[in-house]
PDB file of N, CA and C in Angstrom:
ATOM      1  N   MET A   1      28.243  -9.570  10.541  1.00  0.00           N
ATOM      2  CA  MET A   1      27.930 -10.786  11.258  1.00  0.00           C
ATOM      3  C   MET A   1      27.992 -11.945  10.267  1.00  0.00           C
ATOM      4  N   ALA A   2      28.671 -12.986  10.615  1.00  0.00           N
ATOM      5  CA  ALA A   2      28.791 -14.159   9.757  1.00  0.00           C
ATOM      6  C   ALA A   2      27.453 -14.880   9.688  1.00  0.00           C
ATOM      7  N   LEU A   3      27.265 -15.611   8.594  1.00  0.00           N
ATOM      8  CA  LEU A   3      26.003 -16.321   8.392  1.00  0.00           C
ATOM      9  C   LEU A   3      25.705 -17.265   9.547  1.00  0.00           C
ATOM     10  N   SER A   4      26.702 -18.007  10.005  1.00  0.00           N
ATOM     11  CA  SER A   4      26.456 -18.934  11.106  1.00  0.00           C
ATOM     12  C   SER A   4      26.089 -18.181  12.380  1.00  0.00           C
ATOM     13  N   ASP A   5      26.705 -17.006  12.592  1.00  0.00           N
ATOM     14  CA  ASP A   5      26.346 -16.186  13.750  1.00  0.00           C
ATOM     15  C   ASP A   5      24.905 -15.704  13.649  1.00  0.00           C
ATOM     16  N   THR A   6      24.491 -15.324  12.462  1.00  0.00           N
ATOM     17  CA  THR A   6      23.127 -14.852  12.256  1.00  0.00           C
ATOM     18  C   THR A   6      22.138 -15.987  12.489  1.00  0.00           C
ATOM     19  N   ASP A   7      22.444 -17.157  11.967  1.00  0.00           N
ATOM     20  CA  ASP A   7      21.566 -18.314  12.183  1.00  0.00           C
ATOM     21  C   ASP A   7      21.457 -18.640  13.673  1.00  0.00           C
ATOM     22  N   LYS A   8      22.568 -18.542  14.386  1.00  0.00           N
ATOM     23  CA  LYS A   8      22.576 -18.796  15.828  1.00  0.00           C
ATOM     24  C   LYS A   8      21.734 -17.729  16.533  1.00  0.00           C
ATOM     25  N   ALA A   9      21.888 -16.484  16.124  1.00  0.00           N
ATOM     26  CA  ALA A   9      21.102 -15.410  16.728  1.00  0.00           C
ATOM     27  C   ALA A   9      19.610 -15.636  16.514  1.00  0.00           C
ATOM     28  N   LEU A  10      19.225 -16.026  15.308  1.00  0.00           N
ATOM     29  CA  LEU A  10      17.810 -16.300  15.035  1.00  0.00           C
ATOM     30  C   LEU A  10      17.293 -17.423  15.921  1.00  0.00           C
ATOM     31  N   SER A  11      18.087 -18.460  16.065  1.00  0.00           N
ATOM     32  CA  SER A  11      17.709 -19.577  16.935  1.00  0.00           C
ATOM     33  C   SER A  11      17.555 -19.110  18.378  1.00  0.00           C
ATOM     34  N   ASP A  12      18.478 -18.279  18.832  1.00  0.00           N
ATOM     35  CA  ASP A  12      18.395 -17.746  20.193  1.00  0.00           C
ATOM     36  C   ASP A  12      17.142 -16.886  20.373  1.00  0.00           C
ATOM     37  N   TYR A  13      16.824 -16.057  19.371  1.00  0.00           N
ATOM     38  CA  TYR A  13      15.619 -15.228  19.469  1.00  0.00           C
ATOM     39  C   TYR A  13      14.359 -16.084  19.459  1.00  0.00           C
ATOM     40  N   ASP A  14      14.357 -17.145  18.684  1.00  0.00           N
ATOM     41  CA  ASP A  14      13.204 -18.057  18.683  1.00  0.00           C
ATOM     42  C   ASP A  14      12.954 -18.592  20.090  1.00  0.00           C
ATOM     43  N   MET A  15      14.017 -19.033  20.741  1.00  0.00           N
ATOM     44  CA  MET A  15      13.886 -19.572  22.106  1.00  0.00           C
ATOM     45  C   MET A  15      13.475 -18.483  23.092  1.00  0.00           C
ATOM     46  N   ALA A  16      14.045 -17.299  22.937  1.00  0.00           N
ATOM     47  CA  ALA A  16      13.713 -16.202  23.840  1.00  0.00           C
ATOM     48  C   ALA A  16      12.250 -15.804  23.700  1.00  0.00           C
ATOM     49  N   ILE A  17      11.753 -15.775  22.472  1.00  0.00           N
ATOM     50  CA  ILE A  17      10.347 -15.407  22.234  1.00  0.00           C
ATOM     51  C   ILE A  17       9.421 -16.464  22.827  1.00  0.00           C
ATOM     52  N   LYS A  18       9.793 -17.734  22.719  1.00  0.00           N
ATOM     53  CA  LYS A  18       8.971 -18.788  23.334  1.00  0.00           C
ATOM     54  C   LYS A  18       8.925 -18.614  24.844  1.00  0.00           C
ATOM     55  N   ALA A  19      10.061 -18.215  25.435  1.00  0.00           N
ATOM     56  CA  ALA A  19      10.129 -18.046  26.883  1.00  0.00           C
ATOM     57  C   ALA A  19       9.439 -16.765  27.342  1.00  0.00           C
ATOM     58  N   GLU A  20       9.550 -15.702  26.545  1.00  0.00           N
ATOM     59  CA  GLU A  20       8.980 -14.401  26.910  1.00  0.00           C
ATOM     60  C   GLU A  20       8.260 -13.786  25.710  1.00  0.00           C
ATOM     61  N   PRO A  21       7.078 -14.295  25.380  1.00  0.00           N
ATOM     62  CA  PRO A  21       6.385 -13.849  24.165  1.00  0.00           C
ATOM     63  C   PRO A  21       5.893 -12.405  24.190  1.00  0.00           C
ATOM     64  N   GLU A  22       5.977 -11.737  25.316  1.00  0.00           N
ATOM     65  CA  GLU A  22       5.538 -10.342  25.405  1.00  0.00           C
ATOM     66  C   GLU A  22       6.703  -9.360  25.294  1.00  0.00           C
ATOM     67  N   ASP A  23       7.927  -9.844  25.161  1.00  0.00           N
ATOM     68  CA  ASP A  23       9.101  -8.971  25.115  1.00  0.00           C
ATOM     69  C   ASP A  23       9.325  -8.468  23.693  1.00  0.00           C
ATOM     70  N   LEU A  24       9.024  -7.190  23.475  1.00  0.00           N
ATOM     71  CA  LEU A  24       9.124  -6.605  22.138  1.00  0.00           C
ATOM     72  C   LEU A  24      10.551  -6.580  21.603  1.00  0.00           C
ATOM     73  N   ASP A  25      11.523  -6.467  22.482  1.00  0.00           N
ATOM     74  CA  ASP A  25      12.918  -6.379  22.037  1.00  0.00           C
ATOM     75  C   ASP A  25      13.343  -7.607  21.246  1.00  0.00           C
ATOM     76  N   TYR A  26      12.856  -8.773  21.649  1.00  0.00           N
ATOM     77  CA  TYR A  26      13.218 -10.001  20.925  1.00  0.00           C
ATOM     78  C   TYR A  26      12.633  -9.995  19.508  1.00  0.00           C
ATOM     79  N   TYR A  27      11.365  -9.609  19.392  1.00  0.00           N
ATOM     80  CA  TYR A  27      10.744  -9.526  18.061  1.00  0.00           C
ATOM     81  C   TYR A  27      11.457  -8.491  17.200  1.00  0.00           C
ATOM     82  N   GLN A  28      11.761  -7.355  17.811  1.00  0.00           N
ATOM     83  CA  GLN A  28      12.420  -6.275  17.081  1.00  0.00           C
ATOM     84  C   GLN A  28      13.779  -6.720  16.553  1.00  0.00           C
ATOM     85  N   SER A  29      14.551  -7.355  17.377  1.00  0.00           N
ATOM     86  CA  SER A  29      15.890  -7.796  16.956  1.00  0.00           C
ATOM     87  C   SER A  29      15.806  -8.858  15.872  1.00  0.00           C
ATOM     88  N   ARG A  30      14.875  -9.806  16.042  1.00  0.00           N
ATOM     89  CA  ARG A  30      14.728 -10.850  15.029  1.00  0.00           C
ATOM     90  C   ARG A  30      14.205 -10.260  13.720  1.00  0.00           C
ATOM     91  N   ALA A  31      13.254  -9.338  13.810  1.00  0.00           N
ATOM     92  CA  ALA A  31      12.719  -8.695  12.604  1.00  0.00           C
ATOM     93  C   ALA A  31      13.813  -7.955  11.856  1.00  0.00           C
ATOM     94  N   ASP A  32      14.685  -7.298  12.594  1.00  0.00           N
ATOM     95  CA  ASP A  32      15.777  -6.566  11.944  1.00  0.00           C
ATOM     96  C   ASP A  32      16.717  -7.515  11.204  1.00  0.00           C
ATOM     97  N   ILE A  33      16.982  -8.663  11.780  1.00  0.00           N
ATOM     98  CA  ILE A  33      17.816  -9.655  11.081  1.00  0.00           C
ATOM     99  C   ILE A  33      17.125 -10.091   9.803  1.00  0.00           C
ATOM    100  N   TYR A  34      15.841 -10.425   9.904  1.00  0.00           N
ATOM    101  CA  TYR A  34      15.094 -10.829   8.703  1.00  0.00           C
ATOM    102  C   TYR A  34      15.104  -9.720   7.653  1.00  0.00           C
ATOM    103  N   PHE A  35      14.920  -8.472   8.102  1.00  0.00           N
ATOM    104  CA  PHE A  35      14.918  -7.348   7.178  1.00  0.00           C
ATOM    105  C   PHE A  35      16.238  -7.281   6.413  1.00  0.00           C
ATOM    106  N   TYR A  36      17.347  -7.357   7.104  1.00  0.00           N
ATOM    107  CA  TYR A  36      18.661  -7.247   6.453  1.00  0.00           C
ATOM    108  C   TYR A  36      19.004  -8.471   5.613  1.00  0.00           C
ATOM    109  N   ARG A  37      18.252  -9.557   5.816  1.00  0.00           N
ATOM    110  CA  ARG A  37      18.405 -10.741   4.964  1.00  0.00           C
ATOM    111  C   ARG A  37      17.396 -10.716   3.803  1.00  0.00           C
ATOM    112  N   ASN A  38      16.670  -9.620   3.682  1.00  0.00           N
ATOM    113  CA  ASN A  38      15.624  -9.470   2.652  1.00  0.00           C
ATOM    114  C   ASN A  38      14.517 -10.505   2.792  1.00  0.00           C
ATOM    115  N   GLN A  39      14.269 -10.942   3.991  1.00  0.00           N
ATOM    116  CA  GLN A  39      13.164 -11.854   4.280  1.00  0.00           C
ATOM    117  C   GLN A  39      12.014 -11.009   4.843  1.00  0.00           C
ATOM    118  N   PHE A  40      11.446 -10.223   3.954  1.00  0.00           N
ATOM    119  CA  PHE A  40      10.475  -9.214   4.366  1.00  0.00           C
ATOM    120  C   PHE A  40       9.201  -9.800   4.939  1.00  0.00           C
ATOM    121  N   ASP A  41       8.787 -10.957   4.462  1.00  0.00           N
ATOM    122  CA  ASP A  41       7.577 -11.567   4.998  1.00  0.00           C
ATOM    123  C   ASP A  41       7.776 -11.954   6.468  1.00  0.00           C
ATOM    124  N   LYS A  42       8.948 -12.468   6.802  1.00  0.00           N
ATOM    125  CA  LYS A  42       9.214 -12.843   8.191  1.00  0.00           C
ATOM    126  C   LYS A  42       9.389 -11.601   9.062  1.00  0.00           C
ATOM    127  N   ALA A  43      10.040 -10.588   8.536  1.00  0.00           N
ATOM    128  CA  ALA A  43      10.182  -9.336   9.286  1.00  0.00           C
ATOM    129  C   ALA A  43       8.803  -8.737   9.548  1.00  0.00           C
ATOM    130  N   GLU A  44       7.963  -8.730   8.523  1.00  0.00           N
ATOM    131  CA  GLU A  44       6.617  -8.188   8.686  1.00  0.00           C
ATOM    132  C   GLU A  44       5.846  -8.944   9.764  1.00  0.00           C
ATOM    133  N   ALA A  45       5.969 -10.262   9.773  1.00  0.00           N
ATOM    134  CA  ALA A  45       5.265 -11.053  10.785  1.00  0.00           C
ATOM    135  C   ALA A  45       5.699 -10.656  12.192  1.00  0.00           C
ATOM    136  N   ASP A  46       6.991 -10.433  12.373  1.00  0.00           N
ATOM    137  CA  ASP A  46       7.464 -10.018  13.694  1.00  0.00           C
ATOM    138  C   ASP A  46       7.005  -8.609  14.047  1.00  0.00           C
ATOM    139  N   PHE A  47       7.035  -7.692  13.088  1.00  0.00           N
ATOM    140  CA  PHE A  47       6.555  -6.344  13.364  1.00  0.00           C
ATOM    141  C   PHE A  47       5.067  -6.363  13.707  1.00  0.00           C
ATOM    142  N   ARG A  48       4.307  -7.184  13.014  1.00  0.00           N
ATOM    143  CA  ARG A  48       2.869  -7.275  13.305  1.00  0.00           C
ATOM    144  C   ARG A  48       2.628  -7.915  14.671  1.00  0.00           C
ATOM    145  N   GLN A  49       3.465  -8.871  15.033  1.00  0.00           N
ATOM    146  CA  GLN A  49       3.347  -9.469  16.366  1.00  0.00           C
ATOM    147  C   GLN A  49       3.652  -8.436  17.441  1.00  0.00           C
ATOM    148  N   MET A  50       4.628  -7.582  17.169  1.00  0.00           N
ATOM    149  CA  MET A  50       4.925  -6.497  18.112  1.00  0.00           C
ATOM    150  C   MET A  50       3.682  -5.638  18.340  1.00  0.00           C
ATOM    151  N   LEU A  51       2.941  -5.368  17.272  1.00  0.00           N
ATOM    152  CA  LEU A  51       1.739  -4.542  17.388  1.00  0.00           C
ATOM    153  C   LEU A  51       0.626  -5.269  18.133  1.00  0.00           C
ATOM    154  N   LYS A  52       0.610  -6.592  18.053  1.00  0.00           N
ATOM    155  CA  LYS A  52      -0.373  -7.339  18.838  1.00  0.00           C
ATOM    156  C   LYS A  52      -0.070  -7.211  20.330  1.00  0.00           C
ATOM    157  N   VAL A  53       1.205  -7.188  20.656  1.00  0.00           N
ATOM    158  CA  VAL A  53       1.621  -7.048  22.054  1.00  0.00           C
ATOM    159  C   VAL A  53       1.441  -5.601  22.517  1.00  0.00           C
ATOM    160  N   ASP A  54       1.812  -4.659  21.660  1.00  0.00           N
ATOM    161  CA  ASP A  54       1.720  -3.231  22.002  1.00  0.00           C
ATOM    162  C   ASP A  54       1.398  -2.445  20.737  1.00  0.00           C
ATOM    163  N   GLU A  55       0.137  -2.088  20.593  1.00  0.00           N
ATOM    164  CA  GLU A  55      -0.300  -1.410  19.361  1.00  0.00           C
ATOM    165  C   GLU A  55       0.271  -0.006  19.218  1.00  0.00           C
ATOM    166  N   SER A  56       0.962   0.479  20.225  1.00  0.00           N
ATOM    167  CA  SER A  56       1.564   1.811  20.139  1.00  0.00           C
ATOM    168  C   SER A  56       3.064   1.756  19.863  1.00  0.00           C
ATOM    169  N   SER A  57       3.549   0.640  19.344  1.00  0.00           N
ATOM    170  CA  SER A  57       4.979   0.499  19.055  1.00  0.00           C
ATOM    171  C   SER A  57       5.347   1.252  17.776  1.00  0.00           C
ATOM    172  N   SER A  58       5.928   2.413  17.957  1.00  0.00           N
ATOM    173  CA  SER A  58       6.361   3.205  16.800  1.00  0.00           C
ATOM    174  C   SER A  58       7.388   2.449  15.980  1.00  0.00           C
ATOM    175  N   TYR A  59       8.280   1.724  16.657  1.00  0.00           N
ATOM    176  CA  TYR A  59       9.320   0.981  15.948  1.00  0.00           C
ATOM    177  C   TYR A  59       8.695  -0.034  14.990  1.00  0.00           C
ATOM    178  N   ALA A  60       7.624  -0.694  15.423  1.00  0.00           N
ATOM    179  CA  ALA A  60       6.968  -1.685  14.558  1.00  0.00           C
ATOM    180  C   ALA A  60       6.402  -1.016  13.306  1.00  0.00           C
ATOM    181  N   TYR A  61       5.791   0.146  13.466  1.00  0.00           N
ATOM    182  CA  TYR A  61       5.254   0.843  12.294  1.00  0.00           C
ATOM    183  C   TYR A  61       6.365   1.302  11.362  1.00  0.00           C
ATOM    184  N   VAL A  62       7.458   1.803  11.924  1.00  0.00           N
ATOM    185  CA  VAL A  62       8.598   2.184  11.085  1.00  0.00           C
ATOM    186  C   VAL A  62       9.146   0.942  10.378  1.00  0.00           C
ATOM    187  N   GLY A  63       9.217  -0.171  11.080  1.00  0.00           N
ATOM    188  CA  GLY A  63       9.690  -1.408  10.467  1.00  0.00           C
ATOM    189  C   GLY A  63       8.819  -1.850   9.304  1.00  0.00           C
ATOM    190  N   LEU A  64       7.517  -1.766   9.470  1.00  0.00           N
ATOM    191  CA  LEU A  64       6.605  -2.113   8.371  1.00  0.00           C
ATOM    192  C   LEU A  64       6.809  -1.168   7.191  1.00  0.00           C
ATOM    193  N   GLY A  65       7.006   0.107   7.493  1.00  0.00           N
ATOM    194  CA  GLY A  65       7.269   1.074   6.430  1.00  0.00           C
ATOM    195  C   GLY A  65       8.580   0.788   5.709  1.00  0.00           C
ATOM    196  N   ARG A  66       9.612   0.457   6.480  1.00  0.00           N
ATOM    197  CA  ARG A  66      10.908   0.132   5.865  1.00  0.00           C
ATOM    198  C   ARG A  66      10.784  -1.084   4.952  1.00  0.00           C
ATOM    199  N   ASN A  67      10.018  -2.071   5.389  1.00  0.00           N
ATOM    200  CA  ASN A  67       9.813  -3.253   4.543  1.00  0.00           C
ATOM    201  C   ASN A  67       9.242  -2.850   3.188  1.00  0.00           C
ATOM    202  N   GLU A  68       8.214  -2.020   3.221  1.00  0.00           N
ATOM    203  CA  GLU A  68       7.584  -1.577   1.974  1.00  0.00           C
ATOM    204  C   GLU A  68       8.554  -0.733   1.148  1.00  0.00           C
ATOM    205  N   LYS A  69       9.249   0.169   1.811  1.00  0.00           N
ATOM    206  CA  LYS A  69      10.197   1.043   1.101  1.00  0.00           C
ATOM    207  C   LYS A  69      11.297   0.228   0.437  1.00  0.00           C
ATOM    208  N   GLN A  70      11.815  -0.748   1.142  1.00  0.00           N
ATOM    209  CA  GLN A  70      12.902  -1.566   0.598  1.00  0.00           C
ATOM    210  C   GLN A  70      12.459  -2.336  -0.643  1.00  0.00           C
ATOM    211  N   GLN A  71      11.172  -2.632  -0.722  1.00  0.00           N
ATOM    212  CA  GLN A  71      10.627  -3.329  -1.889  1.00  0.00           C
ATOM    213  C   GLN A  71      10.115  -2.345  -2.937  1.00  0.00           C
ATOM    214  N   GLU A  72      10.454  -1.071  -2.751  1.00  0.00           N
ATOM    215  CA  GLU A  72      10.090   0.015  -3.646  1.00  0.00           C
ATOM    216  C   GLU A  72       8.585   0.260  -3.719  1.00  0.00           C
ATOM    217  N   HIS A  73       7.886  -0.042  -2.636  1.00  0.00           N
ATOM    218  CA  HIS A  73       6.454   0.246  -2.498  1.00  0.00           C
ATOM    219  C   HIS A  73       6.332   1.528  -1.664  1.00  0.00           C
ATOM    220  N   TYR A  74       6.790   2.613  -2.241  1.00  0.00           N
ATOM    221  CA  TYR A  74       6.898   3.859  -1.487  1.00  0.00           C
ATOM    222  C   TYR A  74       5.549   4.374  -1.006  1.00  0.00           C
ATOM    223  N   ASP A  75       4.528   4.301  -1.853  1.00  0.00           N
ATOM    224  CA  ASP A  75       3.195   4.740  -1.441  1.00  0.00           C
ATOM    225  C   ASP A  75       2.680   3.922  -0.259  1.00  0.00           C
ATOM    226  N   LYS A  76       2.961   2.628  -0.275  1.00  0.00           N
ATOM    227  CA  LYS A  76       2.495   1.757   0.804  1.00  0.00           C
ATOM    228  C   LYS A  76       3.240   2.021   2.113  1.00  0.00           C
ATOM    229  N   SER A  77       4.440   2.543   2.019  1.00  0.00           N
ATOM    230  CA  SER A  77       5.216   2.791   3.246  1.00  0.00           C
ATOM    231  C   SER A  77       4.701   4.000   4.016  1.00  0.00           C
ATOM    232  N   LEU A  78       4.144   4.973   3.317  1.00  0.00           N
ATOM    233  CA  LEU A  78       3.772   6.242   3.948  1.00  0.00           C
ATOM    234  C   LEU A  78       2.790   6.112   5.117  1.00  0.00           C
ATOM    235  N   PRO A  79       1.718   5.329   5.002  1.00  0.00           N
ATOM    236  CA  PRO A  79       0.795   5.236   6.145  1.00  0.00           C
ATOM    237  C   PRO A  79       1.450   4.671   7.404  1.00  0.00           C
ATOM    238  N   TYR A  80       2.408   3.790   7.227  1.00  0.00           N
ATOM    239  CA  TYR A  80       3.101   3.244   8.404  1.00  0.00           C
ATOM    240  C   TYR A  80       3.946   4.319   9.078  1.00  0.00           C
ATOM    241  N   TYR A  81       4.643   5.105   8.283  1.00  0.00           N
ATOM    242  CA  TYR A  81       5.427   6.194   8.865  1.00  0.00           C
ATOM    243  C   TYR A  81       4.521   7.236   9.502  1.00  0.00           C
ATOM    244  N   ASP A  82       3.405   7.526   8.844  1.00  0.00           N
ATOM    245  CA  ASP A  82       2.448   8.479   9.408  1.00  0.00           C
ATOM    246  C   ASP A  82       1.993   8.033  10.798  1.00  0.00           C
ATOM    247  N   LYS A  83       1.694   6.755  10.927  1.00  0.00           N
ATOM    248  CA  LYS A  83       1.233   6.213  12.214  1.00  0.00           C
ATOM    249  C   LYS A  83       2.335   6.313  13.259  1.00  0.00           C
ATOM    250  N   ALA A  84       3.560   5.964  12.880  1.00  0.00           N
ATOM    251  CA  ALA A  84       4.682   6.039  13.818  1.00  0.00           C
ATOM    252  C   ALA A  84       4.887   7.470  14.303  1.00  0.00           C
ATOM    253  N   ILE A  85       4.806   8.418  13.386  1.00  0.00           N
ATOM    254  CA  ILE A  85       5.000   9.824  13.732  1.00  0.00           C
ATOM    255  C   ILE A  85       3.860  10.326  14.620  1.00  0.00           C
ATOM    256  N   LYS A  86       2.655   9.895  14.325  1.00  0.00           N
ATOM    257  CA  LYS A  86       1.511  10.290  15.153  1.00  0.00           C
ATOM    258  C   LYS A  86       1.681   9.766  16.584  1.00  0.00           C
ATOM    259  N   LEU A  87       2.163   8.530  16.710  1.00  0.00           N
ATOM    260  CA  LEU A  87       2.352   7.942  18.032  1.00  0.00           C
ATOM    261  C   LEU A  87       3.533   8.548  18.785  1.00  0.00           C
ATOM    262  N   SER A  88       4.595   8.863  18.048  1.00  0.00           N
ATOM    263  CA  SER A  88       5.825   9.376  18.666  1.00  0.00           C
ATOM    264  C   SER A  88       6.393  10.516  17.832  1.00  0.00           C
ATOM    265  N   PRO A  89       5.855  11.717  17.986  1.00  0.00           N
ATOM    266  CA  PRO A  89       6.300  12.843  17.159  1.00  0.00           C
ATOM    267  C   PRO A  89       7.782  13.187  17.293  1.00  0.00           C
ATOM    268  N   SER A  90       8.416  12.768  18.367  1.00  0.00           N
ATOM    269  CA  SER A  90       9.845  13.070  18.531  1.00  0.00           C
ATOM    270  C   SER A  90      10.755  11.948  18.032  1.00  0.00           C
ATOM    271  N   TYR A  91      10.192  10.880  17.486  1.00  0.00           N
ATOM    272  CA  TYR A  91      10.970   9.745  16.976  1.00  0.00           C
ATOM    273  C   TYR A  91      11.441  10.080  15.561  1.00  0.00           C
ATOM    274  N   SER A  92      12.672  10.517  15.436  1.00  0.00           N
ATOM    275  CA  SER A  92      13.175  11.070  14.175  1.00  0.00           C
ATOM    276  C   SER A  92      13.226  10.051  13.039  1.00  0.00           C
ATOM    277  N   ALA A  93      13.348   8.769  13.359  1.00  0.00           N
ATOM    278  CA  ALA A  93      13.427   7.755  12.298  1.00  0.00           C
ATOM    279  C   ALA A  93      12.180   7.770  11.416  1.00  0.00           C
ATOM    280  N   GLY A  94      11.029   7.995  12.004  1.00  0.00           N
ATOM    281  CA  GLY A  94       9.802   8.054  11.213  1.00  0.00           C
ATOM    282  C   GLY A  94       9.872   9.129  10.151  1.00  0.00           C
ATOM    283  N   TYR A  95      10.369  10.298  10.534  1.00  0.00           N
ATOM    284  CA  TYR A  95      10.498  11.407   9.585  1.00  0.00           C
ATOM    285  C   TYR A  95      11.550  11.111   8.513  1.00  0.00           C
ATOM    286  N   SER A  96      12.686  10.578   8.927  1.00  0.00           N
ATOM    287  CA  SER A  96      13.762  10.379   7.957  1.00  0.00           C
ATOM    288  C   SER A  96      13.411   9.305   6.934  1.00  0.00           C
ATOM    289  N   PHE A  97      12.799   8.216   7.383  1.00  0.00           N
ATOM    290  CA  PHE A  97      12.401   7.183   6.425  1.00  0.00           C
ATOM    291  C   PHE A  97      11.264   7.667   5.531  1.00  0.00           C
ATOM    292  N   ARG A  98      10.324   8.402   6.116  1.00  0.00           N
ATOM    293  CA  ARG A  98       9.231   8.935   5.293  1.00  0.00           C
ATOM    294  C   ARG A  98       9.778   9.917   4.264  1.00  0.00           C
ATOM    295  N   ALA A  99      10.789  10.713   4.656  1.00  0.00           N
ATOM    296  CA  ALA A  99      11.410  11.647   3.713  1.00  0.00           C
ATOM    297  C   ALA A  99      11.972  10.909   2.510  1.00  0.00           C
ATOM    298  N   GLU A 100      12.603   9.776   2.758  1.00  0.00           N
ATOM    299  CA  GLU A 100      13.154   9.021   1.633  1.00  0.00           C
ATOM    300  C   GLU A 100      12.052   8.529   0.699  1.00  0.00           C
ATOM    301  N   SER A 101      10.958   8.055   1.269  1.00  0.00           N
ATOM    302  CA  SER A 101       9.839   7.619   0.417  1.00  0.00           C
ATOM    303  C   SER A 101       9.268   8.785  -0.374  1.00  0.00           C
ATOM    304  N   TYR A 102       9.093   9.932   0.297  1.00  0.00           N
ATOM    305  CA  TYR A 102       8.619  11.111  -0.426  1.00  0.00           C
ATOM    306  C   TYR A 102       9.579  11.472  -1.558  1.00  0.00           C
ATOM    307  N   PHE A 103      10.860  11.425  -1.274  1.00  0.00           N
ATOM    308  CA  PHE A 103      11.856  11.745  -2.292  1.00  0.00           C
ATOM    309  C   PHE A 103      11.724  10.807  -3.487  1.00  0.00           C
ATOM    310  N   ARG A 104      11.592   9.514  -3.215  1.00  0.00           N
ATOM    311  CA  ARG A 104      11.462   8.530  -4.306  1.00  0.00           C
ATOM    312  C   ARG A 104      10.188   8.734  -5.116  1.00  0.00           C
ATOM    313  N   LEU A 105       9.188   9.338  -4.480  1.00  0.00           N
ATOM    314  CA  LEU A 105       7.921   9.634  -5.166  1.00  0.00           C
ATOM    315  C   LEU A 105       7.934  11.023  -5.806  1.00  0.00           C
ATOM    316  N   HIS A 106       9.096  11.678  -5.784  1.00  0.00           N
ATOM    317  CA  HIS A 106       9.275  13.021  -6.350  1.00  0.00           C
ATOM    318  C   HIS A 106       8.411  14.064  -5.645  1.00  0.00           C
ATOM    319  N   ARG A 107       8.148  13.838  -4.369  1.00  0.00           N
ATOM    320  CA  ARG A 107       7.406  14.788  -3.541  1.00  0.00           C
ATOM    321  C   ARG A 107       8.438  15.523  -2.678  1.00  0.00           C
ATOM    322  N   TYR A 108       9.195  16.373  -3.343  1.00  0.00           N
ATOM    323  CA  TYR A 108      10.384  16.957  -2.743  1.00  0.00           C
ATOM    324  C   TYR A 108      10.104  17.921  -1.596  1.00  0.00           C
ATOM    325  N   SER A 109       9.058  18.696  -1.682  1.00  0.00           N
ATOM    326  CA  SER A 109       8.798  19.645  -0.590  1.00  0.00           C
ATOM    327  C   SER A 109       8.439  18.891   0.694  1.00  0.00           C
ATOM    328  N   GLU A 110       7.671  17.814   0.564  1.00  0.00           N
ATOM    329  CA  GLU A 110       7.331  17.013   1.744  1.00  0.00           C
ATOM    330  C   GLU A 110       8.576  16.307   2.292  1.00  0.00           C
ATOM    331  N   ALA A 111       9.443  15.862   1.401  1.00  0.00           N
ATOM    332  CA  ALA A 111      10.697  15.236   1.838  1.00  0.00           C
ATOM    333  C   ALA A 111      11.543  16.234   2.614  1.00  0.00           C
ATOM    334  N   ALA A 112      11.628  17.450   2.102  1.00  0.00           N
ATOM    335  CA  ALA A 112      12.420  18.483   2.777  1.00  0.00           C
ATOM    336  C   ALA A 112      11.854  18.803   4.157  1.00  0.00           C
ATOM    337  N   GLU A 113      10.539  18.906   4.251  1.00  0.00           N
ATOM    338  CA  GLU A 113       9.902  19.161   5.554  1.00  0.00           C
ATOM    339  C   GLU A 113      10.226  18.060   6.563  1.00  0.00           C
ATOM    340  N   ASP A 114      10.201  16.806   6.078  1.00  0.00           N
ATOM    341  CA  ASP A 114      10.496  15.696   6.990  1.00  0.00           C
ATOM    342  C   ASP A 114      11.971  15.665   7.391  1.00  0.00           C
ATOM    343  N   ILE A 115      12.847  16.052   6.505  1.00  0.00           N
ATOM    344  CA  ILE A 115      14.267  16.098   6.860  1.00  0.00           C
ATOM    345  C   ILE A 115      14.476  17.142   7.955  1.00  0.00           C
ATOM    346  N   ILE A 116      13.819  18.268   7.821  1.00  0.00           N
ATOM    347  CA  ILE A 116      13.918  19.314   8.839  1.00  0.00           C
ATOM    348  C   ILE A 116      13.353  18.809  10.163  1.00  0.00           C
ATOM    349  N   SER A 117      12.221  18.133  10.104  1.00  0.00           N
ATOM    350  CA  SER A 117      11.618  17.581  11.332  1.00  0.00           C
ATOM    351  C   SER A 117      12.519  16.537  11.983  1.00  0.00           C
ATOM    352  N   ALA A 118      13.143  15.710  11.168  1.00  0.00           N
ATOM    353  CA  ALA A 118      14.039  14.688  11.702  1.00  0.00           C
ATOM    354  C   ALA A 118      15.227  15.311  12.411  1.00  0.00           C
ATOM    355  N   LEU A 119      15.718  16.405  11.867  1.00  0.00           N
ATOM    356  CA  LEU A 119      16.871  17.072  12.465  1.00  0.00           C
ATOM    357  C   LEU A 119      16.497  17.866  13.714  1.00  0.00           C
ATOM    358  N   ASP A 120      15.243  18.268  13.794  1.00  0.00           N
ATOM    359  CA  ASP A 120      14.768  18.995  14.978  1.00  0.00           C
ATOM    360  C   ASP A 120      14.828  18.075  16.149  1.00  0.00           C
TER     361      ASP A 120
END
């Protein structure tokens, strides 16, 4: 996506959120753009807003974990993945991202278990 397209998308999401502040999809999409732009503080704000709207949003917890993982805060990412997995045990992204954090922490057996769970 070109920079101008991304800026336009962010502007569109801003307007959509103002019009429909309870729609998690808008926050999720905007947070993902911020995440890929390494604007982790803005992504975190959107993920936290998602949790204010719906505290059972597994995607928001995975997003918070990804933010921490991307900044190499692997220990800090684990509780977010744990929460996502507890809320949605069949959501494979929680396991796969947690596996990567475990791997980076040299906790290989736990990483292997999560890879198996993700594939299940």
